[in-house]
C-alpha atoms as a PDB file:
ATOM      1  CA  MET A   1     117.184  94.392  55.317  1.00  0.00           C
ATOM      2  CA  SER A   2     116.450  98.070  54.768  1.00  0.00           C
ATOM      3  CA  ARG A   3     119.190 100.587  54.543  1.00  0.00           C
ATOM      4  CA  GLU A   4     119.159 104.051  56.049  1.00  0.00           C
ATOM      5  CA  PRO A   5     119.124 106.565  53.185  1.00  0.00           C
ATOM      6  CA  ALA A   6     122.353 108.445  52.660  1.00  0.00           C
ATOM      7  CA  LYS A   7     122.280 112.226  53.032  1.00  0.00           C
ATOM      8  CA  GLN A   8     122.629 112.631  49.257  1.00  0.00           C
ATOM      9  CA  ASP A   9     119.473 110.490  48.811  1.00  0.00           C
ATOM     10  CA  ALA A  10     117.436 112.918  50.905  1.00  0.00           C
ATOM     11  CA  ILE A  11     115.530 115.864  49.511  1.00  0.00           C
ATOM     12  CA  ARG A  12     116.257 119.203  51.133  1.00  0.00           C
ATOM     13  CA  ILE A  13     113.236 121.482  51.523  1.00  0.00           C
ATOM     14  CA  PHE A  14     113.813 125.176  52.060  1.00  0.00           C
ATOM     15  CA  ILE A  15     110.836 127.194  53.299  1.00  0.00           C
ATOM     16  CA  THR A  16     110.688 130.879  52.342  1.00  0.00           C
ATOM     17  CA  GLY A  17     107.038 131.741  53.071  1.00  0.00           C
ATOM     18  CA  GLY A  18     104.627 132.876  50.395  1.00  0.00           C
ATOM     19  CA  THR A  19     100.915 132.178  50.173  1.00  0.00           C
ATOM     20  CA  PHE A  20     101.699 128.540  50.995  1.00  0.00           C
ATOM     21  CA  ASP A  21     102.159 129.435  54.665  1.00  0.00           C
ATOM     22  CA  LYS A  22      99.844 132.393  55.185  1.00  0.00           C
ATOM     23  CA  GLU A  23      97.206 132.460  57.908  1.00  0.00           C
ATOM     24  CA  TYR A  24      93.998 134.497  57.892  1.00  0.00           C
ATOM     25  CA  ASP A  25      93.184 136.868  60.763  1.00  0.00           C
ATOM     26  CA  GLU A  26      89.380 136.880  60.986  1.00  0.00           C
ATOM     27  CA  LEU A  27      89.340 140.065  63.070  1.00  0.00           C
ATOM     28  CA  THR A  28      91.395 142.237  60.724  1.00  0.00           C
ATOM     29  CA  GLY A  29      90.846 140.362  57.458  1.00  0.00           C
ATOM     30  CA  ARG A  30      94.607 140.324  56.867  1.00  0.00           C
ATOM     31  CA  LEU A  31      96.901 137.496  55.881  1.00  0.00           C
ATOM     32  CA  TYR A  32      99.975 136.932  58.034  1.00  0.00           C
ATOM     33  CA  PHE A  33     102.706 134.398  58.826  1.00  0.00           C
ATOM     34  CA  LYS A  34     102.854 132.330  61.983  1.00  0.00           C
ATOM     35  CA  ASP A  35     104.402 128.890  61.441  1.00  0.00           C
ATOM     36  CA  SER A  36     104.956 126.822  58.332  1.00  0.00           C
ATOM     37  CA  HIS A  37     102.259 124.327  57.413  1.00  0.00           C
ATOM     38  CA  LEU A  38     104.776 122.087  55.659  1.00  0.00           C
ATOM     39  CA  GLY A  39     104.933 119.425  58.399  1.00  0.00           C
ATOM     40  CA  GLU A  40     101.154 119.064  58.448  1.00  0.00           C
ATOM     41  CA  MET A  41     101.051 118.919  54.648  1.00  0.00           C
ATOM     42  CA  LEU A  42     103.688 116.190  54.535  1.00  0.00           C
ATOM     43  CA  ARG A  43     101.758 114.169  57.142  1.00  0.00           C
ATOM     44  CA  LEU A  44      98.477 114.590  55.236  1.00  0.00           C
ATOM     45  CA  GLY A  45     100.175 113.586  52.001  1.00  0.00           C
ATOM     46  CA  ARG A  46     101.701 110.575  53.777  1.00  0.00           C
ATOM     47  CA  ALA A  47     105.114 111.539  52.405  1.00  0.00           C
ATOM     48  CA  ASN A  48     107.482 108.627  52.880  1.00  0.00           C
ATOM     49  CA  LEU A  49     110.711 110.250  51.744  1.00  0.00           C
ATOM     50  CA  PRO A  50     113.962 111.094  53.474  1.00  0.00           C
ATOM     51  CA  LEU A  51     113.601 114.854  53.947  1.00  0.00           C
ATOM     52  CA  GLU A  52     115.727 117.578  55.488  1.00  0.00           C
ATOM     53  CA  ILE A  53     113.684 120.724  56.160  1.00  0.00           C
ATOM     54  CA  ARG A  54     114.917 124.209  56.975  1.00  0.00           C
ATOM     55  CA  THR A  55     113.062 127.502  57.222  1.00  0.00           C
ATOM     56  CA  LEU A  56     115.063 130.313  55.650  1.00  0.00           C
ATOM     57  CA  MET A  57     112.455 133.055  55.992  1.00  0.00           C
ATOM     58  CA  MET A  58     108.699 133.541  56.235  1.00  0.00           C
ATOM     59  CA  ILE A  59     107.924 136.450  53.914  1.00  0.00           C
ATOM     60  CA  ASP A  60     105.670 137.412  51.056  1.00  0.00           C
ATOM     61  CA  SER A  61     107.679 137.061  47.850  1.00  0.00           C
ATOM     62  CA  LEU A  62     106.806 140.650  46.918  1.00  0.00           C
ATOM     63  CA  ASP A  63     108.937 141.651  49.932  1.00  0.00           C
ATOM     64  CA  MET A  64     111.867 139.432  48.907  1.00  0.00           C
ATOM     65  CA  THR A  65     115.108 141.331  48.335  1.00  0.00           C
ATOM     66  CA  ALA A  66     118.270 140.590  46.369  1.00  0.00           C
ATOM     67  CA  GLY A  67     119.831 139.753  49.738  1.00  0.00           C
ATOM     68  CA  ASP A  68     117.101 137.196  50.449  1.00  0.00           C
ATOM     69  CA  ARG A  69     117.698 135.608  47.041  1.00  0.00           C
ATOM     70  CA  ALA A  70     121.458 135.552  47.691  1.00  0.00           C
ATOM     71  CA  LEU A  71     120.761 133.690  50.951  1.00  0.00           C
ATOM     72  CA  ILE A  72     118.643 131.136  49.068  1.00  0.00           C
ATOM     73  CA  VAL A  73     121.439 130.621  46.513  1.00  0.00           C
ATOM     74  CA  GLU A  74     124.005 130.250  49.317  1.00  0.00           C
ATOM     75  CA  GLN A  75     121.863 127.687  51.148  1.00  0.00           C
ATOM     76  CA  VAL A  76     121.178 125.659  47.984  1.00  0.00           C
ATOM     77  CA  ARG A  77     124.863 125.724  47.052  1.00  0.00           C
ATOM     78  CA  GLY A  78     125.897 124.623  50.553  1.00  0.00           C
ATOM     79  CA  ALA A  79     123.294 121.864  50.963  1.00  0.00           C
ATOM     80  CA  ALA A  80     124.666 118.328  51.059  1.00  0.00           C
ATOM     81  CA  GLU A  81     121.593 117.157  49.159  1.00  0.00           C
ATOM     82  CA  SER A  82     121.544 117.262  45.370  1.00  0.00           C
ATOM     83  CA  ARG A  83     117.739 117.424  45.182  1.00  0.00           C
ATOM     84  CA  ILE A  84     116.083 120.549  46.566  1.00  0.00           C
ATOM     85  CA  VAL A  85     112.498 121.806  46.851  1.00  0.00           C
ATOM     86  CA  ILE A  86     111.862 125.452  47.752  1.00  0.00           C
ATOM     87  CA  THR A  87     108.471 126.702  48.897  1.00  0.00           C
ATOM     88  CA  HIS A  88     108.092 130.243  47.607  1.00  0.00           C
ATOM     89  CA  GLY A  89     105.518 132.917  46.919  1.00  0.00           C
ATOM     90  CA  THR A  90     104.220 132.850  43.365  1.00  0.00           C
ATOM     91  CA  ASP A  91     104.536 136.583  42.634  1.00  0.00           C
ATOM     92  CA  THR A  92     108.344 136.530  42.332  1.00  0.00           C
ATOM     93  CA  MET A  93     109.033 132.809  42.031  1.00  0.00           C
ATOM     94  CA  VAL A  94     110.204 133.269  38.427  1.00  0.00           C
ATOM     95  CA  GLU A  95     112.812 135.852  39.485  1.00  0.00           C
ATOM     96  CA  THR A  96     114.203 133.588  42.204  1.00  0.00           C
ATOM     97  CA  ALA A  97     114.318 130.645  39.777  1.00  0.00           C
ATOM     98  CA  ASP A  98     116.288 132.780  37.306  1.00  0.00           C
ATOM     99  CA  VAL A  99     118.803 133.832  40.000  1.00  0.00           C
ATOM    100  CA  LEU A 100     119.242 130.204  41.056  1.00  0.00           C
ATOM    101  CA  ALA A 101     119.631 129.015  37.458  1.00  0.00           C
ATOM    102  CA  ALA A 102     122.478 131.483  36.931  1.00  0.00           C
ATOM    103  CA  SER A 103     124.366 130.077  39.942  1.00  0.00           C
ATOM    104  CA  ILE A 104     123.400 126.427  40.502  1.00  0.00           C
ATOM    105  CA  HIS A 105     124.320 123.830  37.881  1.00  0.00           C
ATOM    106  CA  ASN A 106     124.845 120.534  39.688  1.00  0.00           C
ATOM    107  CA  LYS A 107     121.572 120.135  41.597  1.00  0.00           C
ATOM    108  CA  THR A 108     117.926 119.567  40.826  1.00  0.00           C
ATOM    109  CA  VAL A 109     116.069 122.536  42.325  1.00  0.00           C
ATOM    110  CA  VAL A 110     112.274 122.772  42.176  1.00  0.00           C
ATOM    111  CA  LEU A 111     110.391 125.847  43.368  1.00  0.00           C
ATOM    112  CA  THR A 112     106.715 125.548  44.210  1.00  0.00           C
ATOM    113  CA  GLY A 113     104.005 127.485  45.971  1.00  0.00           C
ATOM    114  CA  ALA A 114     100.285 128.067  46.166  1.00  0.00           C
ATOM    115  CA  MET A 115      97.796 130.537  44.766  1.00  0.00           C
ATOM    116  CA  ILE A 116      95.499 129.992  47.772  1.00  0.00           C
ATOM    117  CA  PRO A 117      96.774 129.633  51.378  1.00  0.00           C
ATOM    118  CA  TYR A 118      96.892 126.032  52.612  1.00  0.00           C
ATOM    119  CA  LYS A 119      94.744 126.873  55.640  1.00  0.00           C
ATOM    120  CA  PHE A 120      91.854 127.948  53.398  1.00  0.00           C
ATOM    121  CA  GLY A 121      91.115 124.264  52.711  1.00  0.00           C
ATOM    122  CA  SER A 122      90.711 124.778  48.965  1.00  0.00           C
ATOM    123  CA  SER A 123      94.419 125.377  48.400  1.00  0.00           C
ATOM    124  CA  ASP A 124      96.420 124.040  45.510  1.00  0.00           C
ATOM    125  CA  GLY A 125      99.427 123.878  47.859  1.00  0.00           C
ATOM    126  CA  LEU A 126      99.240 120.198  48.825  1.00  0.00           C
ATOM    127  CA  PHE A 127      99.038 119.110  45.182  1.00  0.00           C
ATOM    128  CA  ASN A 128     101.867 121.451  44.184  1.00  0.00           C
ATOM    129  CA  LEU A 129     104.077 120.220  47.038  1.00  0.00           C
ATOM    130  CA  GLY A 130     103.547 116.578  46.063  1.00  0.00           C
ATOM    131  CA  SER A 131     104.280 117.378  42.436  1.00  0.00           C
ATOM    132  CA  ALA A 132     107.452 119.269  43.363  1.00  0.00           C
ATOM    133  CA  LEU A 133     108.730 116.353  45.454  1.00  0.00           C
ATOM    134  CA  ALA A 134     108.088 113.947  42.574  1.00  0.00           C
ATOM    135  CA  PHE A 135     109.756 116.247  40.027  1.00  0.00           C
ATOM    136  CA  ALA A 136     112.760 116.731  42.342  1.00  0.00           C
ATOM    137  CA  GLN A 137     113.295 112.961  42.406  1.00  0.00           C
ATOM    138  CA  THR A 138     113.034 112.414  38.666  1.00  0.00           C
ATOM    139  CA  LEU A 139     114.378 115.448  36.798  1.00  0.00           C
ATOM    140  CA  PRO A 140     118.028 115.998  35.858  1.00  0.00           C
ATOM    141  CA  PRO A 141     120.045 118.787  37.493  1.00  0.00           C
ATOM    142  CA  ASP A 142     118.616 122.204  36.641  1.00  0.00           C
ATOM    143  CA  VAL A 143     116.212 124.739  38.186  1.00  0.00           C
ATOM    144  CA  TYR A 144     112.466 124.302  37.697  1.00  0.00           C
ATOM    145  CA  ILE A 145     109.103 125.690  38.770  1.00  0.00           C
ATOM    146  CA  ALA A 146     106.369 123.153  39.589  1.00  0.00           C
ATOM    147  CA  MET A 147     102.814 124.494  39.658  1.00  0.00           C
ATOM    148  CA  ASN A 148      99.417 123.060  38.717  1.00  0.00           C
ATOM    149  CA  GLY A 149     100.816 119.627  37.841  1.00  0.00           C
ATOM    150  CA  ARG A 150     103.268 121.070  35.335  1.00  0.00           C
ATOM    151  CA  CYS A 151     106.996 121.617  35.513  1.00  0.00           C
ATOM    152  CA  PHE A 152     108.807 124.439  33.730  1.00  0.00           C
ATOM    153  CA  PRO A 153     112.562 125.027  33.390  1.00  0.00           C
ATOM    154  CA  ALA A 154     113.776 128.365  34.759  1.00  0.00           C
ATOM    155  CA  GLY A 155     114.023 130.962  32.043  1.00  0.00           C
ATOM    156  CA  HIS A 156     111.068 129.474  30.153  1.00  0.00           C
ATOM    157  CA  VAL A 157     108.145 130.264  32.433  1.00  0.00           C
ATOM    158  CA  ARG A 158     105.983 133.141  33.567  1.00  0.00           C
ATOM    159  CA  LYS A 159     103.026 133.639  35.845  1.00  0.00           C
ATOM    160  CA  ASN A 160      99.944 134.650  33.896  1.00  0.00           C
ATOM    161  CA  ARG A 161      98.264 137.091  36.254  1.00  0.00           C
ATOM    162  CA  GLN A 162      94.957 136.953  34.339  1.00  0.00           C
ATOM    163  CA  THR A 163      94.543 133.171  34.648  1.00  0.00           C
ATOM    164  CA  GLY A 164      96.499 132.639  37.872  1.00  0.00           C
ATOM    165  CA  MET A 165      98.477 129.880  36.151  1.00  0.00           C
ATOM    166  CA  PHE A 166     102.105 129.433  35.185  1.00  0.00           C
ATOM    167  CA  GLU A 167     102.809 128.986  31.496  1.00  0.00           C
ATOM    168  CA  ASP A 168     105.609 128.356  29.004  1.00  0.00           C
ATOM    169  CA  VAL A 169     107.549 131.272  27.604  1.00  0.00           C
ATOM    170  CA  LEU A 170     108.789 130.539  24.114  1.00  0.00           C
END
């Protein structure tokens, strides 16, 4: 007999935009937001997890304000789930992780994103999403960034803009 997972067993996913969800306009050559690709990615990855998904915003992280980060903190704090994944742009992911780490102490929060838009076909987004979901299920309460198969605690990570990779900060 299978049991229905309790709300606290579910993973909450908050969508904030970032390269993860960008589309390419072939006429103008610009990237833009339409809808999140998260549902399609979860289907492709055959995710078999109890998930609660909510879109908070669809913006480039370079446009994220202190108010946007306060909304993310408020939503994480108010979520019934103790395990949270946040899709986020990579340019300011570290800053958002630091804000969350200063405020959230009783939940496992994993931020992830993509260097290449999912719709480009060669994106790292699907791999990063799967990694983030796995890390969210196994790590103790704290705030983390999951990129390129690695997981970094908030406050100990930076984006290396020359290599396009996240790395430890000593």
